[in-house]
Amino acid sequence: MQKLSEALYLVVLTLWVGGLWAIGYLAAPVLFASLGDRQLAGLVAGQLFALIGWIGLGGAAYLLVFLVARWGGQVLRRAVFWLVIVMALLTAASQFGIQPLMAQLKADALPREVMESVLRDRFVAWHGVSSILYLVQSVLGLWLVVWSSRGLR
């Protein structure tokens, strides 16, 4: 059973971190470069970011349960545990704080696009915050992958 839980740990970690990189740095840029409609590209990219957010929250839950079951009280001394905690908090901040705020700004701008409204500056600022958090989360994810190989020993 231990081998199965370790394999699932690695699969979940791969899905979460790989998804972060694939969506944020491959899929979203291709959408904006390929689609003529930036609003449509933003809508699809937003759905992809929301999806990877939910995958991240679910994945973090499993990873934390696995690490606590594996190390017990010693888990608090493991860097891999704290990386998962920080990534989960960043994901939650984006999923439940920033994304709903940006969606509300878009709704408040109707019938115009948010980038053509007086709310443009606020939207751009929050989009920048979101992008920075996503970058931090992506880099921490790489660090988590590296530390996980050490942390499971």
C-alpha atoms as a PDB file:
ATOM      1  CA  MET A   1       0.000   0.000   0.000  1.00  0.00           C
ATOM      2  CA  GLN A   2       2.938   2.320   0.677  1.00  0.00           C
ATOM      3  CA  LYS A   3       4.147   1.975  -2.923  1.00  0.00           C
ATOM      4  CA  LEU A   4       0.680   2.878  -4.242  1.00  0.00           C
ATOM      5  CA  SER A   5       0.403   5.964  -2.015  1.00  0.00           C
ATOM      6  CA  GLU A   6       3.918   7.082  -3.061  1.00  0.00           C
ATOM      7  CA  ALA A   7       3.049   6.586  -6.736  1.00  0.00           C
ATOM      8  CA  LEU A   8      -0.173   8.563  -6.288  1.00  0.00           C
ATOM      9  CA  TYR A   9       1.819  11.297  -4.528  1.00  0.00           C
ATOM     10  CA  LEU A  10       4.096  11.594  -7.559  1.00  0.00           C
ATOM     11  CA  VAL A  11       1.171  11.526 -10.008  1.00  0.00           C
ATOM     12  CA  VAL A  12      -0.678  14.265  -8.103  1.00  0.00           C
ATOM     13  CA  LEU A  13       2.476  16.360  -7.846  1.00  0.00           C
ATOM     14  CA  THR A  14       3.130  15.931 -11.579  1.00  0.00           C
ATOM     15  CA  LEU A  15      -0.449  16.828 -12.498  1.00  0.00           C
ATOM     16  CA  TRP A  16      -0.440  19.956 -10.324  1.00  0.00           C
ATOM     17  CA  VAL A  17       2.991  21.368 -11.136  1.00  0.00           C
ATOM     18  CA  GLY A  18       2.949  20.198 -14.750  1.00  0.00           C
ATOM     19  CA  GLY A  19      -0.499  21.714 -15.164  1.00  0.00           C
ATOM     20  CA  LEU A  20       0.688  25.027 -13.755  1.00  0.00           C
ATOM     21  CA  TRP A  21       3.492  25.205 -16.282  1.00  0.00           C
ATOM     22  CA  ALA A  22       1.503  23.841 -19.225  1.00  0.00           C
ATOM     23  CA  ILE A  23      -1.427  26.202 -18.757  1.00  0.00           C
ATOM     24  CA  GLY A  24       0.401  29.317 -17.634  1.00  0.00           C
ATOM     25  CA  TYR A  25       3.365  29.235 -19.958  1.00  0.00           C
ATOM     26  CA  LEU A  26       2.149  27.224 -22.961  1.00  0.00           C
ATOM     27  CA  ALA A  27      -1.639  27.174 -23.348  1.00  0.00           C
ATOM     28  CA  ALA A  28      -2.507  30.732 -22.284  1.00  0.00           C
ATOM     29  CA  PRO A  29       0.133  32.443 -24.448  1.00  0.00           C
ATOM     30  CA  VAL A  30      -0.906  30.307 -27.434  1.00  0.00           C
ATOM     31  CA  LEU A  31      -4.550  31.283 -26.905  1.00  0.00           C
ATOM     32  CA  PHE A  32      -3.743  34.997 -26.940  1.00  0.00           C
ATOM     33  CA  ALA A  33      -1.411  34.614 -29.931  1.00  0.00           C
ATOM     34  CA  SER A  34      -3.786  32.431 -31.961  1.00  0.00           C
ATOM     35  CA  LEU A  35      -7.256  33.769 -31.300  1.00  0.00           C
ATOM     36  CA  GLY A  36      -8.173  37.079 -32.846  1.00  0.00           C
ATOM     37  CA  ASP A  37     -10.564  37.830 -30.006  1.00  0.00           C
ATOM     38  CA  ARG A  38      -8.633  38.725 -26.821  1.00  0.00           C
ATOM     39  CA  GLN A  39     -11.814  38.581 -24.763  1.00  0.00           C
ATOM     40  CA  LEU A  40     -12.449  34.980 -25.867  1.00  0.00           C
ATOM     41  CA  ALA A  41      -8.803  34.078 -25.243  1.00  0.00           C
ATOM     42  CA  GLY A  42      -9.067  35.574 -21.753  1.00  0.00           C
ATOM     43  CA  LEU A  43     -12.283  33.675 -21.049  1.00  0.00           C
ATOM     44  CA  VAL A  44     -10.774  30.331 -22.057  1.00  0.00           C
ATOM     45  CA  ALA A  45      -7.506  31.047 -20.230  1.00  0.00           C
ATOM     46  CA  GLY A  46      -9.482  32.033 -17.124  1.00  0.00           C
ATOM     47  CA  GLN A  47     -11.340  28.722 -17.211  1.00  0.00           C
ATOM     48  CA  LEU A  48      -8.054  26.848 -17.532  1.00  0.00           C
ATOM     49  CA  PHE A  49      -6.559  28.768 -14.598  1.00  0.00           C
ATOM     50  CA  ALA A  50      -9.658  28.038 -12.503  1.00  0.00           C
ATOM     51  CA  LEU A  51      -9.401  24.339 -13.384  1.00  0.00           C
ATOM     52  CA  ILE A  52      -5.739  24.109 -12.397  1.00  0.00           C
ATOM     53  CA  GLY A  53      -6.628  25.993  -9.220  1.00  0.00           C
ATOM     54  CA  TRP A  54      -9.123  23.305  -8.236  1.00  0.00           C
ATOM     55  CA  ILE A  55      -6.641  20.596  -9.202  1.00  0.00           C
ATOM     56  CA  GLY A  56      -4.070  22.354  -7.030  1.00  0.00           C
ATOM     57  CA  LEU A  57      -6.352  22.560  -4.010  1.00  0.00           C
ATOM     58  CA  GLY A  58      -7.373  18.919  -4.311  1.00  0.00           C
ATOM     59  CA  GLY A  59      -3.802  17.865  -4.983  1.00  0.00           C
ATOM     60  CA  ALA A  60      -2.489  19.857  -2.029  1.00  0.00           C
ATOM     61  CA  ALA A  61      -5.020  18.151   0.231  1.00  0.00           C
ATOM     62  CA  TYR A  62      -3.783  14.718  -0.831  1.00  0.00           C
ATOM     63  CA  LEU A  63      -0.119  15.707  -0.631  1.00  0.00           C
ATOM     64  CA  LEU A  64      -0.564  17.081   2.888  1.00  0.00           C
ATOM     65  CA  VAL A  65      -2.442  13.988   4.090  1.00  0.00           C
ATOM     66  CA  PHE A  66       0.242  11.773   2.557  1.00  0.00           C
ATOM     67  CA  LEU A  67       3.078  13.752   4.161  1.00  0.00           C
ATOM     68  CA  VAL A  68       1.432  13.806   7.597  1.00  0.00           C
ATOM     69  CA  ALA A  69       0.710  10.067   7.388  1.00  0.00           C
ATOM     70  CA  ARG A  70       4.284   9.434   6.293  1.00  0.00           C
ATOM     71  CA  TRP A  71       6.130  11.609   8.803  1.00  0.00           C
ATOM     72  CA  GLY A  72       3.664  12.257  11.623  1.00  0.00           C
ATOM     73  CA  GLY A  73       4.759  15.073  13.925  1.00  0.00           C
ATOM     74  CA  GLN A  74       8.129  15.277  12.159  1.00  0.00           C
ATOM     75  CA  VAL A  75       6.397  16.653   9.054  1.00  0.00           C
ATOM     76  CA  LEU A  76       6.724  20.199  10.417  1.00  0.00           C
ATOM     77  CA  ARG A  77      10.490  19.906  10.015  1.00  0.00           C
ATOM     78  CA  ARG A  78      10.259  18.978   6.337  1.00  0.00           C
ATOM     79  CA  ALA A  79      10.674  21.640   3.643  1.00  0.00           C
ATOM     80  CA  VAL A  80       8.429  19.697   1.274  1.00  0.00           C
ATOM     81  CA  PHE A  81       5.507  20.078   3.714  1.00  0.00           C
ATOM     82  CA  TRP A  82       5.939  23.864   3.923  1.00  0.00           C
ATOM     83  CA  LEU A  83       6.242  24.172   0.147  1.00  0.00           C
ATOM     84  CA  VAL A  84       2.900  22.430  -0.269  1.00  0.00           C
ATOM     85  CA  ILE A  85       1.344  24.674   2.401  1.00  0.00           C
ATOM     86  CA  VAL A  86       2.603  27.872   0.731  1.00  0.00           C
ATOM     87  CA  MET A  87       1.516  26.706  -2.722  1.00  0.00           C
ATOM     88  CA  ALA A  88      -1.925  25.774  -1.382  1.00  0.00           C
ATOM     89  CA  LEU A  89      -2.286  29.195   0.251  1.00  0.00           C
ATOM     90  CA  LEU A  90      -1.284  30.949  -2.982  1.00  0.00           C
ATOM     91  CA  THR A  91      -3.764  28.820  -4.904  1.00  0.00           C
ATOM     92  CA  ALA A  92      -6.541  29.608  -2.424  1.00  0.00           C
ATOM     93  CA  ALA A  93      -5.747  33.333  -2.529  1.00  0.00           C
ATOM     94  CA  SER A  94      -6.018  33.298  -6.287  1.00  0.00           C
ATOM     95  CA  GLN A  95      -9.047  31.009  -6.490  1.00  0.00           C
ATOM     96  CA  PHE A  96     -11.145  32.651  -3.791  1.00  0.00           C
ATOM     97  CA  GLY A  97      -9.780  36.188  -3.733  1.00  0.00           C
ATOM     98  CA  ILE A  98      -8.218  37.482  -6.918  1.00  0.00           C
ATOM     99  CA  GLN A  99     -10.160  35.553  -9.580  1.00  0.00           C
ATOM    100  CA  PRO A 100     -13.591  36.480  -8.174  1.00  0.00           C
ATOM    101  CA  LEU A 101     -12.464  40.100  -7.863  1.00  0.00           C
ATOM    102  CA  MET A 102     -11.339  40.169 -11.486  1.00  0.00           C
ATOM    103  CA  ALA A 103     -14.599  38.522 -12.582  1.00  0.00           C
ATOM    104  CA  GLN A 104     -16.546  41.199 -10.701  1.00  0.00           C
ATOM    105  CA  LEU A 105     -14.542  43.947 -12.398  1.00  0.00           C
ATOM    106  CA  LYS A 106     -15.398  42.403 -15.766  1.00  0.00           C
ATOM    107  CA  ALA A 107     -19.076  42.222 -14.822  1.00  0.00           C
ATOM    108  CA  ASP A 108     -19.081  45.812 -13.562  1.00  0.00           C
ATOM    109  CA  ALA A 109     -17.607  46.987 -16.875  1.00  0.00           C
ATOM    110  CA  LEU A 110     -20.450  45.541 -18.949  1.00  0.00           C
ATOM    111  CA  PRO A 111     -21.620  46.214 -21.612  1.00  0.00           C
ATOM    112  CA  ARG A 112     -18.051  47.216 -22.469  1.00  0.00           C
ATOM    113  CA  GLU A 113     -14.978  45.050 -22.195  1.00  0.00           C
ATOM    114  CA  VAL A 114     -13.099  45.724 -18.969  1.00  0.00           C
ATOM    115  CA  MET A 115     -10.043  46.905 -20.923  1.00  0.00           C
ATOM    116  CA  GLU A 116     -12.198  49.601 -22.553  1.00  0.00           C
ATOM    117  CA  SER A 117     -13.753  50.783 -19.298  1.00  0.00           C
ATOM    118  CA  VAL A 118     -12.839  53.052 -16.414  1.00  0.00           C
ATOM    119  CA  LEU A 119     -12.058  49.869 -14.446  1.00  0.00           C
ATOM    120  CA  ARG A 120      -9.122  49.063 -16.728  1.00  0.00           C
ATOM    121  CA  ASP A 121      -6.416  50.235 -14.314  1.00  0.00           C
ATOM    122  CA  ARG A 122      -7.828  48.221 -11.392  1.00  0.00           C
ATOM    123  CA  PHE A 123      -8.156  45.144 -13.598  1.00  0.00           C
ATOM    124  CA  VAL A 124      -4.590  45.506 -14.888  1.00  0.00           C
ATOM    125  CA  ALA A 125      -3.284  45.909 -11.325  1.00  0.00           C
ATOM    126  CA  TRP A 126      -5.070  42.786 -10.074  1.00  0.00           C
ATOM    127  CA  HIS A 127      -4.028  40.868 -13.180  1.00  0.00           C
ATOM    128  CA  GLY A 128      -0.431  41.814 -12.357  1.00  0.00           C
ATOM    129  CA  VAL A 129      -0.795  40.606  -8.772  1.00  0.00           C
ATOM    130  CA  SER A 130      -2.325  37.384 -10.051  1.00  0.00           C
ATOM    131  CA  SER A 131       0.524  36.883 -12.529  1.00  0.00           C
ATOM    132  CA  ILE A 132       3.165  37.393  -9.840  1.00  0.00           C
ATOM    133  CA  LEU A 133       1.465  34.926  -7.490  1.00  0.00           C
ATOM    134  CA  TYR A 134       1.225  32.423 -10.336  1.00  0.00           C
ATOM    135  CA  LEU A 135       4.921  32.826 -11.138  1.00  0.00           C
ATOM    136  CA  VAL A 136       5.868  32.345  -7.481  1.00  0.00           C
ATOM    137  CA  GLN A 137       3.638  29.279  -7.299  1.00  0.00           C
ATOM    138  CA  SER A 138       5.188  27.860 -10.492  1.00  0.00           C
ATOM    139  CA  VAL A 139       8.739  28.301  -9.199  1.00  0.00           C
ATOM    140  CA  LEU A 140       7.812  26.826  -5.824  1.00  0.00           C
ATOM    141  CA  GLY A 141       6.291  23.914  -7.732  1.00  0.00           C
ATOM    142  CA  LEU A 142       9.619  23.229  -9.413  1.00  0.00           C
ATOM    143  CA  TRP A 143      11.324  23.419  -6.044  1.00  0.00           C
ATOM    144  CA  LEU A 144       8.693  21.040  -4.661  1.00  0.00           C
ATOM    145  CA  VAL A 145       9.442  18.518  -7.400  1.00  0.00           C
ATOM    146  CA  VAL A 146      13.157  18.645  -6.586  1.00  0.00           C
ATOM    147  CA  TRP A 147      12.603  18.450  -2.817  1.00  0.00           C
ATOM    148  CA  SER A 148      10.068  15.649  -3.130  1.00  0.00           C
ATOM    149  CA  SER A 149      12.688  13.252  -4.380  1.00  0.00           C
ATOM    150  CA  ARG A 150      14.688  13.987  -1.215  1.00  0.00           C
ATOM    151  CA  GLY A 151      11.707  14.322   1.079  1.00  0.00           C
ATOM    152  CA  LEU A 152      10.316  10.844   0.465  1.00  0.00           C
ATOM    153  CA  ARG A 153      13.486   9.093   1.616  1.00  0.00           C
END
